[in-house]
C-alpha atoms as a PDB file:
ATOM      1  CA  MET A   1      -1.999  13.014   8.203  1.00  0.00           C
ATOM      2  CA  LYS A   2      -0.254  11.794  11.369  1.00  0.00           C
ATOM      3  CA  LYS A   3      -0.477  15.286  12.873  1.00  0.00           C
ATOM      4  CA  ARG A   4      -4.221  15.385  12.183  1.00  0.00           C
ATOM      5  CA  MET A   5      -4.708  11.973  13.769  1.00  0.00           C
ATOM      6  CA  LEU A   6      -2.668  13.029  16.798  1.00  0.00           C
ATOM      7  CA  CYS A   7      -4.689  16.240  17.187  1.00  0.00           C
ATOM      8  CA  ALA A   8      -7.923  14.306  16.859  1.00  0.00           C
ATOM      9  CA  LEU A   9      -6.765  11.798  19.472  1.00  0.00           C
ATOM     10  CA  LEU A  10      -5.777  14.588  21.875  1.00  0.00           C
ATOM     11  CA  CYS A  11      -9.130  16.306  21.374  1.00  0.00           C
ATOM     12  CA  LEU A  12     -10.925  13.025  22.002  1.00  0.00           C
ATOM     13  CA  MET A  13      -8.926  12.446  25.178  1.00  0.00           C
ATOM     14  CA  MET A  14      -9.757  15.950  26.368  1.00  0.00           C
ATOM     15  CA  LEU A  15     -13.442  15.352  25.695  1.00  0.00           C
ATOM     16  CA  PHE A  16     -13.322  12.102  27.688  1.00  0.00           C
ATOM     17  CA  ALA A  17     -11.551  13.882  30.562  1.00  0.00           C
ATOM     18  CA  VAL A  18     -14.129  16.681  30.601  1.00  0.00           C
ATOM     19  CA  ALA A  19     -16.970  14.165  30.456  1.00  0.00           C
ATOM     20  CA  ALA A  20     -15.440  12.108  33.280  1.00  0.00           C
ATOM     21  CA  GLN A  21     -15.004  15.223  35.430  1.00  0.00           C
ATOM     22  CA  ALA A  22     -18.599  16.270  34.788  1.00  0.00           C
ATOM     23  CA  ALA A  23     -19.835  12.780  35.671  1.00  0.00           C
ATOM     24  CA  SER A  24     -17.821  12.868  38.912  1.00  0.00           C
ATOM     25  CA  GLU A  25     -19.216  16.271  39.822  1.00  0.00           C
ATOM     26  CA  ASP A  26     -22.751  15.051  39.152  1.00  0.00           C
ATOM     27  CA  ALA A  27     -22.131  12.011  41.368  1.00  0.00           C
ATOM     28  CA  TYR A  28     -20.693  14.183  44.148  1.00  0.00           C
ATOM     29  CA  ARG A  29     -23.688  16.515  43.972  1.00  0.00           C
ATOM     30  CA  HIS A  30     -25.994  13.524  44.256  1.00  0.00           C
ATOM     31  CA  VAL A  31     -24.173  12.404  47.433  1.00  0.00           C
ATOM     32  CA  GLN A  32     -24.295  15.968  48.735  1.00  0.00           C
ATOM     33  CA  GLN A  33     -28.088  15.998  48.298  1.00  0.00           C
ATOM     34  CA  LYS A  34     -28.459  12.625  50.015  1.00  0.00           C
ATOM     35  CA  LEU A  35     -26.361  13.766  52.956  1.00  0.00           C
ATOM     36  CA  GLN A  36     -28.524  16.856  53.276  1.00  0.00           C
ATOM     37  CA  GLN A  37     -31.609  14.634  53.315  1.00  0.00           C
ATOM     38  CA  TYR A  38     -30.165  12.912  56.389  1.00  0.00           C
ATOM     39  CA  GLY A  39     -29.725  16.227  58.165  1.00  0.00           C
ATOM     40  CA  PHE A  40     -26.071  16.971  57.391  1.00  0.00           C
ATOM     41  CA  PRO A  41     -25.381  20.578  56.336  1.00  0.00           C
ATOM     42  CA  CYS A  42     -22.951  19.731  53.478  1.00  0.00           C
ATOM     43  CA  ASP A  43     -23.229  23.163  51.865  1.00  0.00           C
ATOM     44  CA  ASP A  44     -21.189  24.350  48.880  1.00  0.00           C
ATOM     45  CA  VAL A  45     -18.288  25.405  51.118  1.00  0.00           C
ATOM     46  CA  ASP A  46     -18.208  21.862  52.524  1.00  0.00           C
ATOM     47  CA  TYR A  47     -18.468  20.487  48.993  1.00  0.00           C
ATOM     48  CA  ASP A  48     -15.435  22.428  47.730  1.00  0.00           C
ATOM     49  CA  ARG A  49     -13.387  21.518  50.812  1.00  0.00           C
ATOM     50  CA  VAL A  50     -14.135  17.801  50.451  1.00  0.00           C
ATOM     51  CA  VAL A  51     -13.266  17.764  46.736  1.00  0.00           C
ATOM     52  CA  GLN A  52      -9.957  19.481  47.563  1.00  0.00           C
ATOM     53  CA  LEU A  53      -9.205  16.953  50.321  1.00  0.00           C
ATOM     54  CA  MET A  54      -9.976  14.083  47.952  1.00  0.00           C
ATOM     55  CA  GLU A  55      -7.499  15.457  45.435  1.00  0.00           C
ATOM     56  CA  GLU A  56      -4.849  15.886  48.143  1.00  0.00           C
ATOM     57  CA  ASP A  57      -5.391  12.289  49.298  1.00  0.00           C
ATOM     58  CA  LYS A  58      -5.079  11.031  45.728  1.00  0.00           C
ATOM     59  CA  GLN A  59      -1.876  12.974  45.111  1.00  0.00           C
ATOM     60  CA  TRP A  60      -0.353  11.831  48.400  1.00  0.00           C
ATOM     61  CA  MET A  61      -1.098   8.174  47.691  1.00  0.00           C
ATOM     62  CA  GLU A  62       0.382   8.460  44.200  1.00  0.00           C
ATOM     63  CA  THR A  63       3.489  10.125  45.666  1.00  0.00           C
ATOM     64  CA  MET A  64       3.825   7.151  48.013  1.00  0.00           C
ATOM     65  CA  GLY A  65       3.549   4.805  45.025  1.00  0.00           C
ATOM     66  CA  ILE A  66       0.155   3.505  46.080  1.00  0.00           C
ATOM     67  CA  PHE A  67      -2.463   3.477  43.336  1.00  0.00           C
ATOM     68  CA  MET A  68      -6.070   2.802  44.299  1.00  0.00           C
ATOM     69  CA  GLY A  69      -7.700   3.153  40.893  1.00  0.00           C
ATOM     70  CA  SER A  70     -10.820   5.305  41.037  1.00  0.00           C
ATOM     71  CA  ARG A  71     -11.261   4.958  44.812  1.00  0.00           C
ATOM     72  CA  TYR A  72     -10.137   8.509  45.589  1.00  0.00           C
ATOM     73  CA  THR A  73     -12.395  10.046  42.940  1.00  0.00           C
ATOM     74  CA  SER A  74     -15.500   7.980  43.712  1.00  0.00           C
ATOM     75  CA  PRO A  75     -18.763   9.339  45.160  1.00  0.00           C
ATOM     76  CA  GLN A  76     -18.358   6.807  47.982  1.00  0.00           C
ATOM     77  CA  TYR A  77     -15.070   8.421  48.968  1.00  0.00           C
ATOM     78  CA  PHE A  78     -16.726  11.832  48.844  1.00  0.00           C
ATOM     79  CA  ALA A  79     -19.243  10.614  51.452  1.00  0.00           C
ATOM     80  CA  TYR A  80     -16.442   9.087  53.555  1.00  0.00           C
ATOM     81  CA  VAL A  81     -14.301  12.226  53.579  1.00  0.00           C
ATOM     82  CA  TYR A  82     -17.239  14.495  54.353  1.00  0.00           C
ATOM     83  CA  LEU A  83     -18.517  12.367  57.253  1.00  0.00           C
ATOM     84  CA  MET A  84     -15.032  11.960  58.692  1.00  0.00           C
ATOM     85  CA  GLU A  85     -14.405  15.696  58.530  1.00  0.00           C
ATOM     86  CA  GLU A  86     -17.743  16.305  60.244  1.00  0.00           C
ATOM     87  CA  GLY A  87     -17.120  13.797  63.004  1.00  0.00           C
ATOM     88  CA  LEU A  88     -13.459  14.361  63.834  1.00  0.00           C
ATOM     89  CA  GLY A  89     -14.027  17.714  65.507  1.00  0.00           C
ATOM     90  CA  ARG A  90     -11.156  20.043  66.376  1.00  0.00           C
ATOM     91  CA  TYR A  91      -8.193  19.106  68.525  1.00  0.00           C
ATOM     92  CA  ASP A  92      -5.845  21.473  70.337  1.00  0.00           C
ATOM     93  CA  TYR A  93      -2.622  19.485  70.702  1.00  0.00           C
ATOM     94  CA  ASN A  94      -1.177  22.071  73.060  1.00  0.00           C
ATOM     95  CA  THR A  95      -3.900  21.712  75.673  1.00  0.00           C
ATOM     96  CA  PHE A  96      -5.131  18.171  74.838  1.00  0.00           C
ATOM     97  CA  THR A  97      -8.575  19.680  74.313  1.00  0.00           C
ATOM     98  CA  TRP A  98     -11.043  18.217  71.839  1.00  0.00           C
ATOM     99  CA  THR A  99     -14.144  20.086  70.647  1.00  0.00           C
ATOM    100  CA  PRO A 100     -16.965  18.370  68.709  1.00  0.00           C
ATOM    101  CA  THR A 101     -18.130  19.945  65.451  1.00  0.00           C
ATOM    102  CA  SER A 102     -21.148  17.732  64.714  1.00  0.00           C
ATOM    103  CA  ASP A 103     -24.278  16.607  66.514  1.00  0.00           C
ATOM    104  CA  LYS A 104     -24.839  13.831  63.937  1.00  0.00           C
ATOM    105  CA  VAL A 105     -21.618  11.807  63.696  1.00  0.00           C
ATOM    106  CA  TYR A 106     -18.529  11.265  65.812  1.00  0.00           C
ATOM    107  CA  ALA A 107     -15.230  10.006  64.399  1.00  0.00           C
ATOM    108  CA  PHE A 108     -11.971   9.076  66.079  1.00  0.00           C
ATOM    109  CA  ASP A 109      -8.761   7.205  65.406  1.00  0.00           C
ATOM    110  CA  ALA A 110      -8.657   3.874  67.272  1.00  0.00           C
ATOM    111  CA  GLU A 111      -4.974   4.603  67.922  1.00  0.00           C
ATOM    112  CA  VAL A 112      -5.350   7.682  70.075  1.00  0.00           C
ATOM    113  CA  PHE A 113      -3.172  10.710  70.823  1.00  0.00           C
ATOM    114  CA  ASN A 114      -4.411  11.407  74.349  1.00  0.00           C
ATOM    115  CA  VAL A 115      -3.783   7.988  75.911  1.00  0.00           C
ATOM    116  CA  GLU A 116      -4.582   8.971  79.478  1.00  0.00           C
ATOM    117  CA  GLY A 117      -7.934  10.506  78.556  1.00  0.00           C
ATOM    118  CA  MET A 118      -8.989   8.377  75.578  1.00  0.00           C
ATOM    119  CA  TYR A 119     -12.331   7.246  76.995  1.00  0.00           C
ATOM    120  CA  THR A 120     -13.093  10.698  78.389  1.00  0.00           C
ATOM    121  CA  GLU A 121     -12.849  12.051  74.842  1.00  0.00           C
ATOM    122  CA  ILE A 122     -14.978   9.230  73.448  1.00  0.00           C
ATOM    123  CA  LEU A 123     -17.680   9.954  75.995  1.00  0.00           C
ATOM    124  CA  GLN A 124     -17.515  13.623  75.060  1.00  0.00           C
ATOM    125  CA  GLY A 125     -18.053  12.667  71.412  1.00  0.00           C
ATOM    126  CA  ILE A 126     -20.968  10.368  72.236  1.00  0.00           C
ATOM    127  CA  ASP A 127     -22.533  13.025  74.435  1.00  0.00           C
ATOM    128  CA  ALA A 128     -22.383  15.420  71.472  1.00  0.00           C
ATOM    129  CA  ILE A 129     -24.351  13.163  69.097  1.00  0.00           C
ATOM    130  CA  VAL A 130     -26.888  11.585  71.485  1.00  0.00           C
ATOM    131  CA  PRO A 131     -29.495  14.195  72.463  1.00  0.00           C
ATOM    132  CA  ASP A 132     -31.212  11.832  74.902  1.00  0.00           C
ATOM    133  CA  ILE A 133     -28.361  11.709  77.418  1.00  0.00           C
ATOM    134  CA  THR A 134     -26.043  13.906  79.439  1.00  0.00           C
ATOM    135  CA  ILE A 135     -22.679  12.463  80.475  1.00  0.00           C
ATOM    136  CA  THR A 136     -20.831  13.976  83.435  1.00  0.00           C
ATOM    137  CA  ASP A 137     -18.198  13.177  86.069  1.00  0.00           C
ATOM    138  CA  VAL A 138     -16.008  10.994  83.853  1.00  0.00           C
ATOM    139  CA  GLN A 139     -13.124   9.311  85.693  1.00  0.00           C
ATOM    140  CA  GLU A 140     -10.382   7.070  84.303  1.00  0.00           C
ATOM    141  CA  ASP A 141      -8.510   4.906  86.816  1.00  0.00           C
ATOM    142  CA  LEU A 142      -5.121   3.972  85.327  1.00  0.00           C
ATOM    143  CA  SER A 143      -3.774   2.175  88.397  1.00  0.00           C
ATOM    144  CA  GLY A 144      -4.193  -1.215  86.722  1.00  0.00           C
ATOM    145  CA  ILE A 145      -1.856  -0.373  83.834  1.00  0.00           C
ATOM    146  CA  THR A 146       1.529  -2.129  83.920  1.00  0.00           C
ATOM    147  CA  GLU A 147       4.875  -0.713  82.869  1.00  0.00           C
ATOM    148  CA  GLU A 148       5.556  -3.507  80.378  1.00  0.00           C
ATOM    149  CA  MET A 149       3.463  -4.617  77.413  1.00  0.00           C
ATOM    150  CA  ASP A 150       2.490  -8.302  77.210  1.00  0.00           C
ATOM    151  CA  TRP A 151       3.061  -9.029  73.522  1.00  0.00           C
ATOM    152  CA  GLU A 152       1.093 -12.269  73.648  1.00  0.00           C
ATOM    153  CA  THR A 153      -2.086 -10.389  74.518  1.00  0.00           C
ATOM    154  CA  TYR A 154      -1.008  -6.950  73.178  1.00  0.00           C
ATOM    155  CA  SER A 155      -2.064  -5.505  76.530  1.00  0.00           C
ATOM    156  CA  ASP A 156      -0.490  -3.607  79.395  1.00  0.00           C
ATOM    157  CA  GLY A 157      -3.017  -4.274  82.122  1.00  0.00           C
ATOM    158  CA  THR A 158      -6.438  -2.765  82.654  1.00  0.00           C
ATOM    159  CA  ARG A 159      -8.124   0.549  83.269  1.00  0.00           C
ATOM    160  CA  LYS A 160     -11.482   1.458  84.788  1.00  0.00           C
ATOM    161  CA  VAL A 161     -13.821   4.069  83.387  1.00  0.00           C
ATOM    162  CA  SER A 162     -16.675   5.512  85.415  1.00  0.00           C
ATOM    163  CA  PHE A 163     -19.178   8.263  84.641  1.00  0.00           C
ATOM    164  CA  LEU A 164     -22.711   9.500  85.219  1.00  0.00           C
ATOM    165  CA  CYS A 165     -25.262   9.212  82.433  1.00  0.00           C
ATOM    166  CA  ASN A 166     -28.409  11.236  83.117  1.00  0.00           C
ATOM    167  CA  GLY A 167     -27.276  11.219  86.730  1.00  0.00           C
ATOM    168  CA  HIS A 168     -26.991   7.400  86.909  1.00  0.00           C
ATOM    169  CA  PRO A 169     -23.585   5.841  87.713  1.00  0.00           C
ATOM    170  CA  TYR A 170     -21.842   3.451  85.313  1.00  0.00           C
ATOM    171  CA  GLU A 171     -18.453   1.758  85.480  1.00  0.00           C
ATOM    172  CA  ILE A 172     -16.511  -0.700  83.353  1.00  0.00           C
ATOM    173  CA  GLU A 173     -13.079  -2.300  83.522  1.00  0.00           C
ATOM    174  CA  LEU A 174     -11.375  -2.472  80.136  1.00  0.00           C
ATOM    175  CA  ILE A 175      -8.255  -4.148  78.825  1.00  0.00           C
ATOM    176  CA  SER A 176      -5.507  -1.616  78.188  1.00  0.00           C
ATOM    177  CA  TYR A 177      -3.925  -1.893  74.751  1.00  0.00           C
ATOM    178  CA  GLY A 178      -1.429   0.923  75.082  1.00  0.00           C
ATOM    179  CA  ASP A 179      -2.560   3.755  72.835  1.00  0.00           C
ATOM    180  CA  TRP A 180      -5.338   1.684  71.210  1.00  0.00           C
ATOM    181  CA  VAL A 181      -8.979   1.850  72.253  1.00  0.00           C
ATOM    182  CA  ASP A 182     -10.636  -1.316  73.582  1.00  0.00           C
ATOM    183  CA  VAL A 183     -13.659  -1.465  71.249  1.00  0.00           C
ATOM    184  CA  ALA A 184     -15.566  -3.428  73.910  1.00  0.00           C
ATOM    185  CA  PHE A 185     -16.273   0.019  75.325  1.00  0.00           C
ATOM    186  CA  LEU A 186     -18.576   0.732  72.371  1.00  0.00           C
ATOM    187  CA  ASP A 187     -20.714  -2.322  73.158  1.00  0.00           C
ATOM    188  CA  PHE A 188     -20.890  -1.143  76.747  1.00  0.00           C
ATOM    189  CA  LEU A 189     -22.151   2.270  75.609  1.00  0.00           C
ATOM    190  CA  ASP A 190     -24.984   0.600  73.716  1.00  0.00           C
ATOM    191  CA  GLU A 191     -25.976  -1.147  76.946  1.00  0.00           C
ATOM    192  CA  VAL A 192     -25.918   2.197  78.768  1.00  0.00           C
ATOM    193  CA  LEU A 193     -28.198   3.807  76.175  1.00  0.00           C
ATOM    194  CA  ALA A 194     -30.620   0.889  76.406  1.00  0.00           C
ATOM    195  CA  LYS A 195     -30.767   1.185  80.202  1.00  0.00           C
ATOM    196  CA  GLU A 196     -31.427   4.904  79.857  1.00  0.00           C
ATOM    197  CA  GLY A 197     -34.385   4.178  77.581  1.00  0.00           C
ATOM    198  CA  CYS A 198     -32.928   5.920  74.525  1.00  0.00           C
ATOM    199  CA  PRO A 199     -35.160   5.496  71.422  1.00  0.00           C
ATOM    200  CA  ASN A 200     -32.207   4.930  69.067  1.00  0.00           C
ATOM    201  CA  GLN A 201     -28.781   3.337  69.312  1.00  0.00           C
ATOM    202  CA  LEU A 202     -25.173   3.817  68.268  1.00  0.00           C
ATOM    203  CA  TYR A 203     -23.823   2.348  65.042  1.00  0.00           C
ATOM    204  CA  VAL A 204     -20.263   2.050  63.773  1.00  0.00           C
ATOM    205  CA  LEU A 205     -20.490   2.911  60.080  1.00  0.00           C
ATOM    206  CA  THR A 206     -16.913   2.205  59.021  1.00  0.00           C
ATOM    207  CA  HIS A 207     -15.417  -1.146  58.061  1.00  0.00           C
ATOM    208  CA  PRO A 208     -13.908  -3.295  60.863  1.00  0.00           C
ATOM    209  CA  LEU A 209     -10.449  -3.031  59.251  1.00  0.00           C
ATOM    210  CA  ASP A 210     -10.614   0.756  59.064  1.00  0.00           C
ATOM    211  CA  GLN A 211      -8.539   2.280  61.853  1.00  0.00           C
ATOM    212  CA  MET A 212     -10.892   5.265  61.824  1.00  0.00           C
ATOM    213  CA  ILE A 213     -14.150   4.696  63.695  1.00  0.00           C
ATOM    214  CA  LEU A 214     -17.205   6.653  62.560  1.00  0.00           C
ATOM    215  CA  MET A 215     -20.227   6.508  64.877  1.00  0.00           C
ATOM    216  CA  TYR A 216     -23.823   7.495  64.243  1.00  0.00           C
ATOM    217  CA  TYR A 217     -26.786   7.687  66.603  1.00  0.00           C
ATOM    218  CA  GLY A 218     -30.099   6.968  64.956  1.00  0.00           C
ATOM    219  CA  ASN A 219     -32.314   4.241  63.586  1.00  0.00           C
ATOM    220  CA  GLU A 220     -31.353   1.074  61.764  1.00  0.00           C
ATOM    221  CA  LYS A 221     -32.516   2.130  58.303  1.00  0.00           C
ATOM    222  CA  ASP A 222     -30.636   5.435  58.298  1.00  0.00           C
ATOM    223  CA  ALA A 223     -27.480   3.834  59.680  1.00  0.00           C
ATOM    224  CA  ARG A 224     -27.496   1.237  56.923  1.00  0.00           C
ATOM    225  CA  GLU A 225     -28.095   3.790  54.170  1.00  0.00           C
ATOM    226  CA  ILE A 226     -25.333   6.097  55.359  1.00  0.00           C
ATOM    227  CA  ALA A 227     -22.912   3.156  55.607  1.00  0.00           C
ATOM    228  CA  TYR A 228     -23.790   2.101  52.063  1.00  0.00           C
ATOM    229  CA  MET A 229     -23.201   5.658  50.853  1.00  0.00           C
ATOM    230  CA  MET A 230     -19.544   5.053  51.742  1.00  0.00           C
ATOM    231  CA  ASP A 231     -19.651   1.623  50.079  1.00  0.00           C
ATOM    232  CA  TYR A 232     -18.901  -0.119  53.361  1.00  0.00           C
ATOM    233  CA  MET A 233     -20.283  -3.413  54.588  1.00  0.00           C
ATOM    234  CA  SER A 234     -23.311  -2.484  56.654  1.00  0.00           C
ATOM    235  CA  TYR A 235     -23.221  -2.662  60.428  1.00  0.00           C
ATOM    236  CA  ALA A 236     -25.908  -5.405  60.308  1.00  0.00           C
ATOM    237  CA  GLU A 237     -23.643  -7.708  58.291  1.00  0.00           C
ATOM    238  CA  MET A 238     -20.765  -6.964  60.640  1.00  0.00           C
ATOM    239  CA  GLU A 239     -22.858  -7.948  63.643  1.00  0.00           C
ATOM    240  CA  GLU A 240     -23.533 -11.426  62.266  1.00  0.00           C
ATOM    241  CA  GLU A 241     -20.145 -12.310  63.751  1.00  0.00           C
ATOM    242  CA  GLU A 242     -19.549 -12.434  67.478  1.00  0.00           C
ATOM    243  CA  PRO A 243     -18.137  -9.074  68.614  1.00  0.00           C
ATOM    244  CA  GLY A 244     -14.539  -9.186  69.769  1.00  0.00           C
ATOM    245  CA  GLY A 245     -12.016  -6.912  71.385  1.00  0.00           C
ATOM    246  CA  LEU A 246      -8.863  -5.400  69.931  1.00  0.00           C
ATOM    247  CA  LEU A 247      -6.949  -8.676  70.393  1.00  0.00           C
ATOM    248  CA  ASP A 248      -9.285 -10.412  67.919  1.00  0.00           C
ATOM    249  CA  PHE A 249      -8.821  -7.539  65.482  1.00  0.00           C
ATOM    250  CA  LEU A 250      -5.026  -7.675  65.732  1.00  0.00           C
ATOM    251  CA  ASN A 251      -4.901 -11.453  65.349  1.00  0.00           C
ATOM    252  CA  ASP A 252      -7.051 -11.250  62.198  1.00  0.00           C
ATOM    253  CA  PHE A 253      -5.059  -8.344  60.814  1.00  0.00           C
ATOM    254  CA  LEU A 254      -1.601  -9.744  61.540  1.00  0.00           C
END
């Protein structure tokens, strides 16, 4: 009798597991279709790669003793992983050369690898996803960077970034935060696009506490919907607060 009950319980558990897997696959396919509606390729090769990456993330987190419930098997995480993979592009660490792989989204780590050329790479990514502009002649002046870090302000001086956008000159002086990007640069880029008469604008789709920054160029409705696909607070809700630089972020986080 006990053996029969045990077998029945195991069969029931297997049925639940199969049903849960089927439900997950259906949810992923639904996200895949929605992404395609917004112009992302997300073909079956992409689908299989993203599912594999999700499983690897889940296993790694469990190995580290970090359990996030159903987060790493959710359709929202499927959308996140796909969009990040699309936007991150390819990086050659031997030559410090970055190549974009998407004309829809651009993603980068706010703590950068190429410190000396961080804003040059960002401008390359923005140029790739904004069809209404051409960015050339990017220069980064590092002469304002100090040797020592001021730990009260988390900064080591300043740097200037200059470039041409559609042939028009632009320049900004930014606070240097070591190997972290000054996110004030993103607000400046929105001002540049407005001056150039671009019909759409840039949106950061990821959460403010996410170290990874995912950017989209388009209209307000699409930006909101794509952000919600990842289950993130929408950019509109984020912008209800006064925008701050990296110092504000670090003070809130620490």
